[in-house]
Amino acid sequence: MRVLIVTASLLLIAACDAPPVVSDFNGSSVKLQTSSLVSVRDAKAGTQIEAGRICGKVGKQAEYASTRTLPNYVSEHLYLCL
């Protein structure tokens, strides 16, 4: 039981420090996934930087559009490339 608690705790800590993951990019928009356990302010700051980098590859700027919550403590952030 103790091993299970320690393992679960380590997984939660690791999830909080995970960088945003690009789940979709089509040249006009980019979707980034983050852990829902991260604060909204930290998640938006990290995703804004990553979206700017991705949209910059096609000569555009990233503009935040929305966030939705997915199962398993995942948030998906949509940015438009304008």
N, C-alpha and C. Protein backbone atom coordinates (compact mmCIF):
# COMPACT_ATOMS: atom_id res chain seq x y z
N MET A 1 0.82 -1.19 0.00
CA MET A 1 0.00 0.00 0.00
C MET A 1 0.87 1.26 0.00
N ARG A 2 1.94 1.24 0.78
CA ARG A 2 2.82 2.39 0.88
C ARG A 2 3.46 2.68 -0.48
N VAL A 3 3.83 1.63 -1.21
CA VAL A 3 4.46 1.80 -2.52
C VAL A 3 3.47 2.46 -3.48
N LEU A 4 2.21 2.07 -3.41
CA LEU A 4 1.19 2.65 -4.27
C LEU A 4 1.01 4.14 -4.00
N ILE A 5 1.00 4.53 -2.73
CA ILE A 5 0.85 5.94 -2.38
C ILE A 5 2.04 6.76 -2.85
N VAL A 6 3.24 6.22 -2.66
CA VAL A 6 4.44 6.94 -3.09
C VAL A 6 4.46 7.07 -4.61
N THR A 7 4.10 6.02 -5.33
CA THR A 7 4.07 6.05 -6.79
C THR A 7 3.05 7.07 -7.29
N ALA A 8 1.87 7.08 -6.71
CA ALA A 8 0.83 8.03 -7.11
C ALA A 8 1.28 9.46 -6.84
N SER A 9 1.93 9.69 -5.72
CA SER A 9 2.41 11.03 -5.39
C SER A 9 3.46 11.51 -6.39
N LEU A 10 4.37 10.62 -6.76
CA LEU A 10 5.40 10.98 -7.73
C LEU A 10 4.80 11.28 -9.10
N LEU A 11 3.78 10.53 -9.49
CA LEU A 11 3.13 10.79 -10.77
C LEU A 11 2.43 12.15 -10.78
N LEU A 12 1.81 12.52 -9.68
CA LEU A 12 1.16 13.83 -9.59
C LEU A 12 2.17 14.96 -9.66
N ILE A 13 3.30 14.80 -8.99
CA ILE A 13 4.34 15.82 -9.03
C ILE A 13 4.90 15.95 -10.44
N ALA A 14 5.13 14.82 -11.10
CA ALA A 14 5.65 14.84 -12.47
C ALA A 14 4.66 15.50 -13.43
N ALA A 15 3.38 15.26 -13.23
CA ALA A 15 2.36 15.85 -14.11
C ALA A 15 2.31 17.36 -13.98
N CYS A 16 2.61 17.88 -12.81
CA CYS A 16 2.55 19.32 -12.59
C CYS A 16 3.67 20.06 -13.32
N ASP A 17 4.78 19.41 -13.55
CA ASP A 17 5.92 20.05 -14.19
C ASP A 17 6.01 19.77 -15.68
N ALA A 18 5.06 19.05 -16.23
CA ALA A 18 5.12 18.66 -17.64
C ALA A 18 4.87 19.87 -18.54
N PRO A 19 5.65 20.00 -19.62
CA PRO A 19 5.43 21.10 -20.56
C PRO A 19 4.18 20.84 -21.40
N PRO A 20 3.64 21.87 -22.04
CA PRO A 20 2.48 21.67 -22.92
C PRO A 20 2.83 20.76 -24.08
N VAL A 21 1.86 19.95 -24.49
CA VAL A 21 2.05 19.01 -25.59
C VAL A 21 1.16 19.43 -26.74
N VAL A 22 1.72 19.53 -27.94
CA VAL A 22 0.94 19.87 -29.13
C VAL A 22 0.13 18.65 -29.54
N SER A 23 -1.20 18.78 -29.55
CA SER A 23 -2.05 17.67 -29.94
C SER A 23 -2.59 17.82 -31.36
N ASP A 24 -2.58 19.06 -31.88
CA ASP A 24 -3.08 19.28 -33.23
C ASP A 24 -2.55 20.61 -33.75
N PHE A 25 -2.15 20.62 -35.01
CA PHE A 25 -1.71 21.86 -35.67
C PHE A 25 -2.05 21.74 -37.14
N ASN A 26 -2.73 22.75 -37.69
CA ASN A 26 -3.10 22.69 -39.10
C ASN A 26 -2.71 23.96 -39.87
N GLY A 27 -1.87 24.79 -39.30
CA GLY A 27 -1.46 26.02 -39.96
C GLY A 27 -2.33 27.22 -39.61
N SER A 28 -3.59 26.96 -39.23
CA SER A 28 -4.51 28.04 -38.83
C SER A 28 -4.80 28.05 -37.34
N SER A 29 -4.56 26.91 -36.70
CA SER A 29 -4.77 26.81 -35.25
C SER A 29 -3.85 25.74 -34.68
N VAL A 30 -3.66 25.84 -33.37
CA VAL A 30 -2.85 24.85 -32.66
C VAL A 30 -3.56 24.52 -31.36
N LYS A 31 -3.61 23.22 -31.03
CA LYS A 31 -4.19 22.76 -29.77
C LYS A 31 -3.06 22.23 -28.91
N LEU A 32 -3.03 22.67 -27.66
CA LEU A 32 -2.01 22.25 -26.72
C LEU A 32 -2.68 21.61 -25.50
N GLN A 33 -2.11 20.54 -25.01
CA GLN A 33 -2.65 19.88 -23.84
C GLN A 33 -1.73 20.06 -22.65
N THR A 34 -2.33 20.32 -21.49
CA THR A 34 -1.60 20.45 -20.24
C THR A 34 -2.34 19.66 -19.17
N SER A 35 -1.70 19.47 -18.04
CA SER A 35 -2.33 18.84 -16.90
C SER A 35 -3.33 19.81 -16.28
N SER A 36 -4.49 19.31 -15.89
CA SER A 36 -5.47 20.15 -15.21
C SER A 36 -5.04 20.45 -13.78
N LEU A 37 -4.00 19.77 -13.30
CA LEU A 37 -3.51 19.98 -11.94
C LEU A 37 -2.63 21.22 -11.84
N VAL A 38 -2.21 21.76 -12.98
CA VAL A 38 -1.39 22.97 -13.01
C VAL A 38 -2.31 24.18 -12.88
N SER A 39 -1.86 25.22 -12.23
CA SER A 39 -2.70 26.41 -12.09
C SER A 39 -3.01 27.00 -13.47
N VAL A 40 -4.15 27.63 -13.59
CA VAL A 40 -4.58 28.20 -14.86
C VAL A 40 -3.58 29.24 -15.35
N ARG A 41 -3.07 30.07 -14.46
CA ARG A 41 -2.11 31.11 -14.83
C ARG A 41 -0.83 30.50 -15.40
N ASP A 42 -0.32 29.46 -14.75
CA ASP A 42 0.90 28.82 -15.24
C ASP A 42 0.66 28.10 -16.56
N ALA A 43 -0.49 27.45 -16.68
CA ALA A 43 -0.80 26.74 -17.92
C ALA A 43 -0.91 27.70 -19.09
N LYS A 44 -1.60 28.83 -18.89
CA LYS A 44 -1.76 29.80 -19.99
C LYS A 44 -0.44 30.44 -20.37
N ALA A 45 0.42 30.68 -19.39
CA ALA A 45 1.73 31.27 -19.70
C ALA A 45 2.56 30.30 -20.54
N GLY A 46 2.59 29.04 -20.13
CA GLY A 46 3.36 28.04 -20.87
C GLY A 46 2.81 27.76 -22.25
N THR A 47 1.48 27.69 -22.35
CA THR A 47 0.88 27.39 -23.65
C THR A 47 1.01 28.58 -24.61
N GLN A 48 0.96 29.80 -24.09
CA GLN A 48 1.11 30.99 -24.94
C GLN A 48 2.48 30.99 -25.61
N ILE A 49 3.50 30.67 -24.85
CA ILE A 49 4.87 30.63 -25.41
C ILE A 49 4.98 29.54 -26.47
N GLU A 50 4.47 28.35 -26.15
CA GLU A 50 4.57 27.23 -27.10
C GLU A 50 3.73 27.50 -28.35
N ALA A 51 2.53 28.05 -28.18
CA ALA A 51 1.68 28.36 -29.34
C ALA A 51 2.34 29.42 -30.21
N GLY A 52 2.97 30.41 -29.59
CA GLY A 52 3.68 31.44 -30.35
C GLY A 52 4.81 30.85 -31.16
N ARG A 53 5.51 29.88 -30.58
CA ARG A 53 6.62 29.22 -31.29
C ARG A 53 6.09 28.41 -32.48
N ILE A 54 5.00 27.67 -32.27
CA ILE A 54 4.43 26.83 -33.33
C ILE A 54 3.86 27.70 -34.45
N CYS A 55 3.05 28.69 -34.12
CA CYS A 55 2.45 29.56 -35.14
C CYS A 55 3.53 30.37 -35.86
N GLY A 56 4.60 30.71 -35.16
CA GLY A 56 5.70 31.45 -35.76
C GLY A 56 6.37 30.69 -36.89
N LYS A 57 6.27 29.37 -36.87
CA LYS A 57 6.88 28.56 -37.94
C LYS A 57 6.21 28.78 -39.29
N VAL A 58 4.96 29.26 -39.28
CA VAL A 58 4.26 29.56 -40.53
C VAL A 58 4.08 31.07 -40.70
N GLY A 59 4.85 31.86 -39.95
CA GLY A 59 4.83 33.32 -40.09
C GLY A 59 3.62 34.00 -39.50
N LYS A 60 2.99 33.38 -38.49
CA LYS A 60 1.80 33.95 -37.88
C LYS A 60 2.00 34.11 -36.38
N GLN A 61 1.06 34.82 -35.75
CA GLN A 61 1.09 35.02 -34.31
C GLN A 61 -0.05 34.24 -33.66
N ALA A 62 0.19 33.73 -32.45
CA ALA A 62 -0.82 32.95 -31.74
C ALA A 62 -1.74 33.85 -30.93
N GLU A 63 -3.04 33.57 -31.00
CA GLU A 63 -4.02 34.29 -30.20
C GLU A 63 -4.90 33.27 -29.50
N TYR A 64 -4.99 33.40 -28.16
CA TYR A 64 -5.77 32.47 -27.35
C TYR A 64 -7.24 32.50 -27.76
N ALA A 65 -7.86 31.30 -27.86
CA ALA A 65 -9.27 31.21 -28.22
C ALA A 65 -10.11 30.57 -27.11
N SER A 66 -9.68 29.40 -26.60
CA SER A 66 -10.50 28.72 -25.59
C SER A 66 -9.72 27.61 -24.89
N THR A 67 -10.33 27.12 -23.82
CA THR A 67 -9.80 25.97 -23.08
C THR A 67 -10.96 25.04 -22.78
N ARG A 68 -10.72 23.75 -22.93
CA ARG A 68 -11.73 22.77 -22.53
C ARG A 68 -11.06 21.68 -21.71
N THR A 69 -11.85 21.09 -20.82
CA THR A 69 -11.34 20.05 -19.95
C THR A 69 -11.65 18.69 -20.55
N LEU A 70 -10.62 17.85 -20.64
CA LEU A 70 -10.74 16.50 -21.14
C LEU A 70 -10.66 15.53 -19.97
N PRO A 71 -11.01 14.26 -20.20
CA PRO A 71 -10.88 13.27 -19.12
C PRO A 71 -9.42 13.11 -18.66
N ASN A 72 -9.25 12.50 -17.52
CA ASN A 72 -7.93 12.17 -16.96
C ASN A 72 -7.09 13.40 -16.64
N TYR A 73 -7.72 14.44 -16.14
CA TYR A 73 -7.02 15.64 -15.67
C TYR A 73 -6.19 16.31 -16.77
N VAL A 74 -6.77 16.44 -17.94
CA VAL A 74 -6.10 17.09 -19.07
C VAL A 74 -6.93 18.28 -19.51
N SER A 75 -6.26 19.40 -19.78
CA SER A 75 -6.91 20.59 -20.35
C SER A 75 -6.35 20.79 -21.75
N GLU A 76 -7.23 21.14 -22.68
CA GLU A 76 -6.81 21.40 -24.05
C GLU A 76 -7.05 22.88 -24.36
N HIS A 77 -6.00 23.57 -24.79
CA HIS A 77 -6.04 24.99 -25.07
C HIS A 77 -5.96 25.21 -26.57
N LEU A 78 -6.90 25.97 -27.10
CA LEU A 78 -6.93 26.27 -28.54
C LEU A 78 -6.40 27.67 -28.78
N TYR A 79 -5.46 27.78 -29.70
CA TYR A 79 -4.91 29.06 -30.13
C TYR A 79 -5.09 29.18 -31.64
N LEU A 80 -5.50 30.36 -32.09
CA LEU A 80 -5.62 30.64 -33.51
C LEU A 80 -4.31 31.25 -34.00
N CYS A 81 -3.88 30.84 -35.17
CA CYS A 81 -2.67 31.40 -35.78
C CYS A 81 -3.11 32.48 -36.75
N LEU A 82 -2.91 33.73 -36.40
CA LEU A 82 -3.37 34.86 -37.23
C LEU A 82 -2.20 35.67 -37.75
